[in-house]
Amino acid sequence: MKNLNKFINNFHVLPADSYKNFYKLTELKKFSNKEILAKYGETPKDLFILKSGIVRSYYTDEKGKEYIRSLFTPFSATGALGALILDKTSDLSYDCLTDCELYAINFKDLKLLALKDKDIAYMYASALESVFLLLESRIYDLTVLNATMRYDQLKKVIPDIENLIPQYHIASFLNISPVQLSRIRKELYSK
């Protein structure tokens, strides 16, 4: 729980009663590699905080090709947040790329708690701001940075990424082909 407290404190330091009420909503769950957290076309119920492992969000086109939108590492919030907020089916799928431990939080219960507890409401609002800034940064990266720069950034966040997930997932996240990723890696490692 120490790391979860630290994660929460990034958004707002809660009073003891608020922590206690928040923890009543959380359940630590273990998920296996490839296990689905939220599926395209289904209405999710839970928001997750990733304790260990790597989770991806992705879109699958009509031909079955997958496009990774985000990679989530510990400690970050994950799950179909847009679908949860709008109470609709998810436009993306979320699954584990490694074995994972996640804190599951029923989103509707969290929203009800936020209505009763101003500190939880403030934490929630700050967390939403953080999610917005992360998405804005991702859009910037895809728009302005070249593939090598995006790969360098990914390596700074997850230094051993090549040992954790398949190369085609890394390429998909970078919005390049696996062949292009191979060329980038070859060029970087030959220097």
Protein backbone atom coordinates (compact mmCIF):
# COMPACT_ATOMS: atom_id res chain seq x y z
CA MET A 1 0.00 0.00 0.00
CA LYS A 2 3.00 2.29 0.45
CA ASN A 3 3.42 2.69 -3.33
CA LEU A 4 -0.32 3.19 -3.77
CA ASN A 5 -0.21 5.98 -1.15
CA LYS A 6 2.67 7.57 -3.05
CA PHE A 7 0.67 7.34 -6.30
CA ILE A 8 -2.38 8.97 -4.69
CA ASN A 9 -0.20 11.67 -3.10
CA ASN A 10 0.93 12.72 -6.59
CA PHE A 11 -2.59 14.05 -7.05
CA HIS A 12 -3.68 15.02 -3.54
CA VAL A 13 -2.68 14.04 -0.02
CA LEU A 14 -5.79 12.56 1.54
CA PRO A 15 -6.85 12.74 5.18
CA ALA A 16 -6.81 9.36 6.99
CA ASP A 17 -10.59 8.83 6.66
CA SER A 18 -10.47 9.50 2.91
CA TYR A 19 -7.62 7.00 2.49
CA LYS A 20 -9.62 4.44 4.42
CA ASN A 21 -12.74 5.00 2.29
CA PHE A 22 -10.71 4.87 -0.92
CA TYR A 23 -9.02 1.60 0.10
CA LYS A 24 -12.42 0.04 0.77
CA LEU A 25 -13.07 0.42 -2.97
CA THR A 26 -9.80 -1.17 -4.08
CA GLU A 27 -9.07 -4.84 -4.63
CA LEU A 28 -5.61 -6.07 -5.60
CA LYS A 29 -5.96 -8.53 -8.48
CA LYS A 30 -3.45 -10.60 -10.43
CA PHE A 31 -3.74 -10.90 -14.20
CA SER A 32 -1.81 -13.15 -16.54
CA ASN A 33 -0.02 -12.11 -19.70
CA LYS A 34 -2.61 -11.49 -22.48
CA GLU A 35 -5.50 -11.32 -20.00
CA ILE A 36 -8.06 -8.65 -20.95
CA LEU A 37 -8.96 -5.80 -18.59
CA ALA A 38 -11.46 -4.06 -20.87
CA LYS A 39 -12.68 -5.25 -24.24
CA TYR A 40 -13.71 -3.26 -27.30
CA GLY A 41 -17.51 -3.11 -27.54
CA GLU A 42 -18.12 -3.96 -23.88
CA THR A 43 -19.06 -1.58 -21.08
CA PRO A 44 -16.33 -1.61 -18.43
CA LYS A 45 -16.95 -1.37 -14.71
CA ASP A 46 -13.48 -0.95 -13.23
CA LEU A 47 -10.67 1.56 -13.32
CA PHE A 48 -7.23 0.13 -12.51
CA ILE A 49 -4.03 1.29 -10.90
CA LEU A 50 -1.11 -0.76 -12.16
CA LYS A 51 1.13 -2.07 -9.38
CA SER A 52 3.39 -4.28 -11.54
CA GLY A 53 3.68 -5.30 -15.19
CA ILE A 54 2.83 -3.62 -18.49
CA VAL A 55 -0.65 -2.99 -19.89
CA ARG A 56 -1.53 -1.69 -23.34
CA SER A 57 -4.56 0.00 -24.83
CA TYR A 58 -5.15 -0.73 -28.48
CA TYR A 59 -7.51 -0.43 -31.39
CA THR A 60 -8.11 -3.23 -33.89
CA ASP A 61 -9.10 -2.28 -37.44
CA GLU A 62 -11.54 -4.19 -39.66
CA LYS A 63 -8.65 -6.27 -41.07
CA GLY A 64 -7.56 -7.36 -37.59
CA LYS A 65 -4.45 -5.15 -37.40
CA GLU A 66 -3.77 -3.81 -33.91
CA TYR A 67 -2.66 -0.26 -33.17
CA ILE A 68 -1.33 0.41 -29.68
CA ARG A 69 -2.42 3.76 -28.32
CA SER A 70 -0.78 3.60 -24.89
CA LEU A 71 1.57 1.54 -22.76
CA PHE A 72 1.03 1.67 -19.02
CA THR A 73 3.73 0.97 -16.46
CA PRO A 74 3.67 0.93 -12.65
CA PHE A 75 2.26 3.13 -11.00
CA SER A 76 -0.26 4.50 -13.47
CA ALA A 77 -4.01 4.47 -13.90
CA THR A 78 -5.35 2.36 -16.73
CA GLY A 79 -8.63 1.10 -18.09
CA ALA A 80 -11.24 2.39 -20.49
CA LEU A 81 -11.61 5.77 -18.78
CA GLY A 82 -13.57 7.39 -21.61
CA ALA A 83 -16.08 4.55 -21.64
CA LEU A 84 -16.32 4.67 -17.83
CA ILE A 85 -16.94 8.43 -17.80
CA LEU A 86 -19.57 8.22 -20.56
CA ASP A 87 -21.01 4.90 -19.30
CA LYS A 88 -20.78 3.40 -22.77
CA THR A 89 -18.98 0.62 -24.57
CA SER A 90 -15.24 0.91 -24.98
CA ASP A 91 -13.69 1.98 -28.30
CA LEU A 92 -10.39 0.35 -27.26
CA SER A 93 -9.25 -2.89 -25.69
CA TYR A 94 -6.90 -3.09 -22.72
CA ASP A 95 -4.83 -6.15 -21.96
CA CYS A 96 -1.76 -7.25 -20.05
CA LEU A 97 1.47 -7.59 -22.03
CA THR A 98 3.11 -9.23 -19.00
CA ASP A 99 1.83 -10.78 -15.81
CA CYS A 100 0.37 -7.88 -13.84
CA GLU A 101 -0.92 -6.87 -10.45
CA LEU A 102 -3.54 -4.16 -10.50
CA TYR A 103 -5.73 -2.43 -7.99
CA ALA A 104 -9.28 -2.66 -9.36
CA ILE A 105 -11.68 0.13 -8.40
CA ASN A 106 -15.37 0.12 -9.29
CA PHE A 107 -15.70 3.42 -11.15
CA LYS A 108 -19.31 4.15 -10.16
CA ASP A 109 -18.45 3.59 -6.49
CA LEU A 110 -15.47 5.95 -6.85
CA LYS A 111 -17.70 8.64 -8.37
CA LEU A 112 -20.21 8.24 -5.53
CA LEU A 113 -17.41 8.55 -2.99
CA ALA A 114 -16.15 11.69 -4.76
CA LEU A 115 -19.61 13.24 -4.35
CA LYS A 116 -19.41 12.69 -0.58
CA ASP A 117 -15.73 13.42 0.04
CA LYS A 118 -14.20 16.66 -1.27
CA ASP A 119 -10.65 15.33 -0.88
CA ILE A 120 -11.46 12.29 -3.04
CA ALA A 121 -13.12 14.67 -5.55
CA TYR A 122 -9.99 16.82 -5.64
CA MET A 123 -7.76 13.75 -6.11
CA TYR A 124 -10.03 12.54 -8.93
CA ALA A 125 -9.96 15.94 -10.68
CA SER A 126 -6.17 16.10 -10.41
CA ALA A 127 -5.87 12.56 -11.78
CA LEU A 128 -8.05 13.50 -14.77
CA GLU A 129 -5.82 16.51 -15.43
CA SER A 130 -2.82 14.18 -15.39
CA VAL A 131 -4.47 11.81 -17.89
CA PHE A 132 -5.22 14.76 -20.17
CA LEU A 133 -1.60 15.93 -20.04
CA LEU A 134 -0.32 12.43 -20.82
CA LEU A 135 -2.59 12.16 -23.85
CA GLU A 136 -1.59 15.61 -25.03
CA SER A 137 2.07 14.59 -24.71
CA ARG A 138 1.45 11.39 -26.69
CA ILE A 139 -0.22 13.36 -29.50
CA TYR A 140 2.70 15.79 -29.53
CA ASP A 141 5.23 12.93 -29.71
CA LEU A 142 3.44 11.27 -32.63
CA THR A 143 3.11 14.58 -34.45
CA VAL A 144 6.50 16.20 -33.91
CA LEU A 145 9.08 13.54 -33.03
CA ASN A 146 10.58 11.17 -35.55
CA ALA A 147 10.55 7.41 -34.91
CA THR A 148 14.08 7.33 -33.47
CA MET A 149 13.24 10.10 -31.01
CA ARG A 150 10.05 8.31 -29.95
CA TYR A 151 12.04 5.10 -29.43
CA ASP A 152 14.61 6.97 -27.32
CA GLN A 153 11.83 8.42 -25.19
CA LEU A 154 10.27 4.99 -24.70
CA LYS A 155 13.64 3.57 -23.64
CA LYS A 156 13.97 6.33 -21.03
CA VAL A 157 10.60 5.38 -19.53
CA ILE A 158 11.03 1.59 -19.85
CA PRO A 159 14.79 0.92 -20.28
CA ASP A 160 14.44 -2.86 -20.68
CA ILE A 161 11.35 -2.76 -22.91
CA GLU A 162 12.89 -5.19 -25.43
CA ASN A 163 13.12 -7.85 -22.72
CA LEU A 164 9.55 -7.36 -21.56
CA ILE A 165 7.30 -7.26 -24.62
CA PRO A 166 7.52 -8.43 -28.26
CA GLN A 167 9.15 -6.15 -30.82
CA TYR A 168 5.96 -5.87 -32.89
CA HIS A 169 4.19 -4.32 -29.87
CA ILE A 170 6.99 -1.79 -29.47
CA ALA A 171 6.77 -0.96 -33.19
CA SER A 172 2.99 -0.59 -32.98
CA PHE A 173 3.30 1.79 -30.02
CA LEU A 174 5.84 3.85 -31.95
CA ASN A 175 3.53 3.83 -34.99
CA ILE A 176 6.16 2.22 -37.21
CA SER A 177 6.70 -1.19 -38.80
CA PRO A 178 8.76 -3.91 -37.08
CA VAL A 179 11.25 -3.63 -39.95
CA GLN A 180 11.66 0.10 -39.31
CA LEU A 181 12.15 -0.61 -35.58
CA SER A 182 14.88 -3.14 -36.46
CA ARG A 183 16.66 -0.52 -38.55
CA ILE A 184 16.44 2.07 -35.78
CA ARG A 185 17.79 -0.38 -33.20
CA LYS A 186 20.59 -1.51 -35.51
CA GLU A 187 21.60 2.09 -36.17
CA LEU A 188 21.51 3.05 -32.47
CA TYR A 189 23.38 -0.01 -31.24
CA SER A 190 26.06 0.26 -33.92
CA LYS A 191 27.11 3.68 -32.61
